[in-house]
Protein backbone atom coordinates (compact mmCIF):
# COMPACT_ATOMS: atom_id res chain seq x y z
CA UNK A 1 -16.91 7.46 6.21
CA UNK A 2 -14.00 5.76 4.47
CA UNK A 3 -12.56 7.58 1.48
CA UNK A 4 -10.96 5.60 -1.35
CA UNK A 5 -8.73 8.07 -3.16
CA UNK A 6 -9.45 8.40 -6.88
CA UNK A 7 -6.59 9.91 -8.86
CA UNK A 8 -7.35 8.11 -12.09
CA UNK A 9 -5.18 5.05 -11.40
CA UNK A 10 -5.85 1.72 -9.75
CA UNK A 11 -8.61 -0.83 -9.47
CA UNK A 12 -10.82 1.45 -7.40
CA UNK A 13 -14.05 -0.50 -7.81
CA UNK A 14 -12.63 -3.76 -6.48
CA UNK A 15 -10.91 -1.97 -3.59
CA UNK A 16 -14.09 -0.08 -2.65
CA UNK A 17 -16.25 -3.21 -2.92
CA UNK A 18 -13.87 -5.21 -0.74
CA UNK A 19 -13.80 -2.46 1.91
CA UNK A 20 -17.61 -2.19 1.83
CA UNK A 21 -17.87 -5.96 2.29
CA UNK A 22 -15.90 -5.97 5.55
CA UNK A 23 -16.68 -2.53 7.02
CA UNK A 24 -18.99 -2.17 10.03
CA UNK A 25 -22.68 -1.82 9.24
CA UNK A 26 -23.58 1.73 8.30
CA UNK A 27 -20.11 2.68 7.06
CA UNK A 28 -20.09 4.76 3.89
CA UNK A 29 -17.29 3.96 1.46
CA UNK A 30 -16.80 6.82 -0.98
CA UNK A 31 -14.52 6.82 -4.04
CA UNK A 32 -13.45 10.44 -4.38
CA UNK A 33 -10.84 12.85 -5.70
CA UNK A 34 -12.27 15.74 -3.70
CA UNK A 35 -9.75 17.08 -1.20
CA UNK A 36 -12.37 18.15 1.33
CA UNK A 37 -14.13 14.80 1.25
CA UNK A 38 -10.78 13.10 1.88
CA UNK A 39 -10.15 15.40 4.84
CA UNK A 40 -13.67 14.79 6.14
CA UNK A 41 -13.24 11.00 6.06
CA UNK A 42 -12.64 8.96 9.20
CA UNK A 43 -10.25 6.67 7.32
CA UNK A 44 -8.49 6.89 3.96
CA UNK A 45 -7.49 4.14 1.53
CA UNK A 46 -4.84 5.14 -1.04
CA UNK A 47 -4.73 2.45 -3.77
CA UNK A 48 -2.87 2.54 -7.03
CA UNK A 49 -1.18 0.76 -9.86
CA UNK A 50 0.75 1.88 -12.91
CA UNK A 51 3.77 4.15 -13.29
CA UNK A 52 5.23 6.38 -10.58
CA UNK A 53 5.51 9.45 -12.84
CA UNK A 54 1.87 9.17 -13.88
CA UNK A 55 0.83 8.75 -10.24
CA UNK A 56 2.68 11.85 -9.06
CA UNK A 57 1.42 13.89 -12.02
CA UNK A 58 -2.16 12.88 -11.26
CA UNK A 59 -1.83 13.73 -7.55
CA UNK A 60 -0.33 17.12 -8.38
CA UNK A 61 -2.90 17.81 -11.07
CA UNK A 62 -5.79 17.10 -8.71
CA UNK A 63 -4.32 19.08 -5.83
CA UNK A 64 -4.13 16.06 -3.56
CA UNK A 65 -0.54 16.21 -2.26
CA UNK A 66 -1.20 18.36 0.82
CA UNK A 67 -4.64 16.84 1.67
CA UNK A 68 -3.21 13.31 1.59
CA UNK A 69 -0.31 14.30 3.83
CA UNK A 70 -2.74 15.88 6.31
CA UNK A 71 -4.99 12.83 6.24
CA UNK A 72 -2.05 10.49 6.83
CA UNK A 73 -0.98 12.51 9.87
CA UNK A 74 -4.40 12.61 11.49
CA UNK A 75 -6.36 9.39 10.83
CA UNK A 76 -5.94 5.72 9.85
CA UNK A 77 -4.44 5.65 6.36
CA UNK A 78 -3.88 2.57 4.18
CA UNK A 79 -1.60 2.61 1.13
CA UNK A 80 -1.83 -0.24 -1.40
CA UNK A 81 0.75 -1.14 -4.09
CA UNK A 82 1.69 2.15 -5.85
CA UNK A 83 0.00 3.85 -2.89
CA UNK A 84 2.84 2.40 -0.79
CA UNK A 85 5.69 3.13 -3.18
CA UNK A 86 4.91 6.83 -3.60
CA UNK A 87 5.24 7.34 0.16
CA UNK A 88 9.03 7.07 -0.25
CA UNK A 89 11.48 9.72 -1.46
CA UNK A 90 12.47 8.72 -4.96
CA UNK A 91 11.81 6.04 -7.58
CA UNK A 92 14.09 4.70 -10.31
CA UNK A 93 11.05 4.30 -12.54
CA UNK A 94 10.57 6.60 -15.55
CA UNK A 95 14.22 7.72 -15.43
CA UNK A 96 13.77 8.93 -11.87
CA UNK A 97 10.73 10.36 -10.09
CA UNK A 98 10.53 12.43 -6.91
CA UNK A 99 7.83 10.97 -4.67
CA UNK A 100 5.91 12.18 -1.60
CA UNK A 101 8.87 11.70 0.78
CA UNK A 102 6.75 10.72 3.78
CA UNK A 103 9.32 8.00 4.45
CA UNK A 104 12.94 8.47 3.44
CA UNK A 105 13.96 5.77 1.00
CA UNK A 106 14.20 4.54 -2.57
CA UNK A 107 11.95 2.55 -4.90
CA UNK A 108 14.10 0.32 -7.09
CA UNK A 109 13.51 -2.10 -9.94
CA UNK A 110 14.02 -5.79 -9.21
CA UNK A 111 17.39 -6.85 -10.63
CA UNK A 112 17.76 -9.93 -12.82
CA UNK A 113 17.43 -12.86 -10.40
CA UNK A 114 17.15 -16.65 -10.39
CA UNK A 115 15.30 -19.10 -8.19
CA UNK A 116 16.87 -22.02 -6.34
CA UNK A 117 16.79 -24.12 -9.51
CA UNK A 118 18.66 -21.52 -11.53
CA UNK A 119 15.60 -20.40 -13.46
CA UNK A 120 15.19 -16.69 -14.14
CA UNK A 121 12.53 -15.04 -12.00
CA UNK A 122 9.93 -13.16 -13.99
CA UNK A 123 9.60 -9.40 -13.60
CA UNK A 124 7.08 -8.15 -12.72
CA UNK A 125 6.48 -10.43 -9.79
CA UNK A 126 2.92 -11.50 -10.46
CA UNK A 127 1.06 -13.93 -8.25
CA UNK A 128 0.90 -15.23 -4.70
CA UNK A 129 3.72 -14.85 -2.21
CA UNK A 130 4.11 -14.88 1.55
CA UNK A 131 4.58 -11.94 3.90
CA UNK A 132 6.78 -12.50 6.95
CA UNK A 133 5.51 -10.27 9.75
CA UNK A 134 8.53 -8.37 11.04
CA UNK A 135 6.65 -6.69 13.89
CA UNK A 136 3.19 -7.07 15.44
CA UNK A 137 0.60 -4.62 14.17
CA UNK A 138 -3.19 -4.36 14.61
CA UNK A 139 -3.67 -4.94 10.87
CA UNK A 140 -1.99 -8.36 11.18
CA UNK A 141 -4.58 -9.51 13.75
CA UNK A 142 -6.00 -12.87 12.71
CA UNK A 143 -3.49 -13.27 9.84
CA UNK A 144 -0.87 -16.02 10.17
CA UNK A 145 2.80 -15.22 9.73
CA UNK A 146 3.87 -15.98 6.15
CA UNK A 147 0.27 -15.74 4.92
CA UNK A 148 0.13 -15.47 1.14
CA UNK A 149 -1.02 -12.32 -0.62
CA UNK A 150 -1.37 -11.39 -4.29
CA UNK A 151 1.39 -9.21 -5.81
CA UNK A 152 1.86 -7.43 -9.14
CA UNK A 153 4.95 -5.18 -9.29
CA UNK A 154 8.34 -4.64 -10.90
CA UNK A 155 9.69 -2.21 -8.29
CA UNK A 156 10.21 -2.63 -4.56
CA UNK A 157 10.65 -0.29 -1.58
CA UNK A 158 13.92 0.25 0.28
CA UNK A 159 13.16 2.53 3.24
CA UNK A 160 16.17 4.09 4.95
CA UNK A 161 14.73 3.30 8.37
CA UNK A 162 14.28 -0.46 8.66
CA UNK A 163 12.15 0.06 11.77
CA UNK A 164 9.34 1.03 9.37
CA UNK A 165 9.25 -2.49 7.94
CA UNK A 166 6.43 -4.57 9.42
CA UNK A 167 6.38 -7.17 6.65
CA UNK A 168 8.92 -8.65 4.23
CA UNK A 169 8.73 -10.95 1.23
CA UNK A 170 11.17 -13.22 -0.60
CA UNK A 171 11.45 -12.95 -4.37
CA UNK A 172 15.04 -13.71 -5.27
CA UNK A 173 15.89 -11.32 -2.44
CA UNK A 174 14.23 -10.09 0.75
CA UNK A 175 12.37 -6.80 0.36
CA UNK A 176 9.98 -4.68 2.41
CA UNK A 177 6.40 -5.58 1.52
CA UNK A 178 4.64 -3.71 4.36
CA UNK A 179 5.52 -0.46 6.14
CA UNK A 180 3.93 1.23 9.13
CA UNK A 181 4.43 4.36 11.18
CA UNK A 182 1.89 6.15 13.34
CA UNK A 183 -1.52 6.08 11.66
CA UNK A 184 -0.12 4.89 8.31
CA UNK A 185 0.02 1.27 7.13
CA UNK A 186 1.14 0.43 3.60
CA UNK A 187 1.32 -2.89 1.78
CA UNK A 188 2.85 -3.76 -1.59
CA UNK A 189 0.40 -6.61 -2.19
CA UNK A 190 -3.25 -6.20 -3.19
CA UNK A 191 -5.42 -7.19 -0.19
CA UNK A 192 -8.56 -6.79 -2.30
CA UNK A 193 -7.26 -9.67 -4.48
CA UNK A 194 -5.85 -11.76 -1.63
CA UNK A 195 -8.83 -13.90 -0.59
CA UNK A 196 -9.60 -14.36 3.12
CA UNK A 197 -6.36 -12.93 4.52
CA UNK A 198 -6.65 -9.85 2.36
CA UNK A 199 -10.21 -9.28 3.52
CA UNK A 200 -9.10 -9.77 7.12
CA UNK A 201 -6.47 -7.04 6.71
CA UNK A 202 -9.07 -4.69 5.23
CA UNK A 203 -11.53 -5.55 8.01
CA UNK A 204 -8.86 -4.79 10.60
CA UNK A 205 -8.22 -1.44 8.91
CA UNK A 206 -11.90 -0.47 9.03
CA UNK A 207 -11.80 -0.92 12.82
CA UNK A 208 -8.28 0.36 13.50
CA UNK A 209 -7.91 3.44 15.67
CA UNK A 210 -4.60 4.45 14.09
CA UNK A 211 -2.45 3.39 17.04
CA UNK A 212 0.39 0.91 16.65
CA UNK A 213 -0.80 -1.28 19.55
């Protein structure tokens, strides 16, 4: 069973439908906010969108902080968008928010930036952009380096340990767009909205054993 974590934020239906589409035959995909069901799952998908403060309040209110940490330690765990950002220590959003602190680092707002023609880059970044694969990972299998994924975000992750970065993206600057350690893989982009390459990443996750190689 694959649990898609429901904490009241994120496009859960599209994530669950995309995972169902690529999962092995007979796999149950369950959208749930029940801690025991999350801990009973073979794999966990942690999606999200919206504000960091609202995300942390929802996780605390539903008693999901400890169950998610246990799940991330013990089985394949995929964070998407806000589900990636909250894995870090602290966010500048909402005048400062303490996050899950699974990975030491900061979530910062994109500064004012310009493209090569001197035009101001829009914030949030919204649309297609490439991901440069910094390190091999099972979830990159079958996905070309610099493949384009769909992004919607105003804040980006700055992990203290750059060894965590398995993917980076250019948007007026180079930032970490995918992180991995142990059984955890996290991506800033939305694979459920990223056409064939996004579905390939989700398919790889549904078959991943949680090992880095």
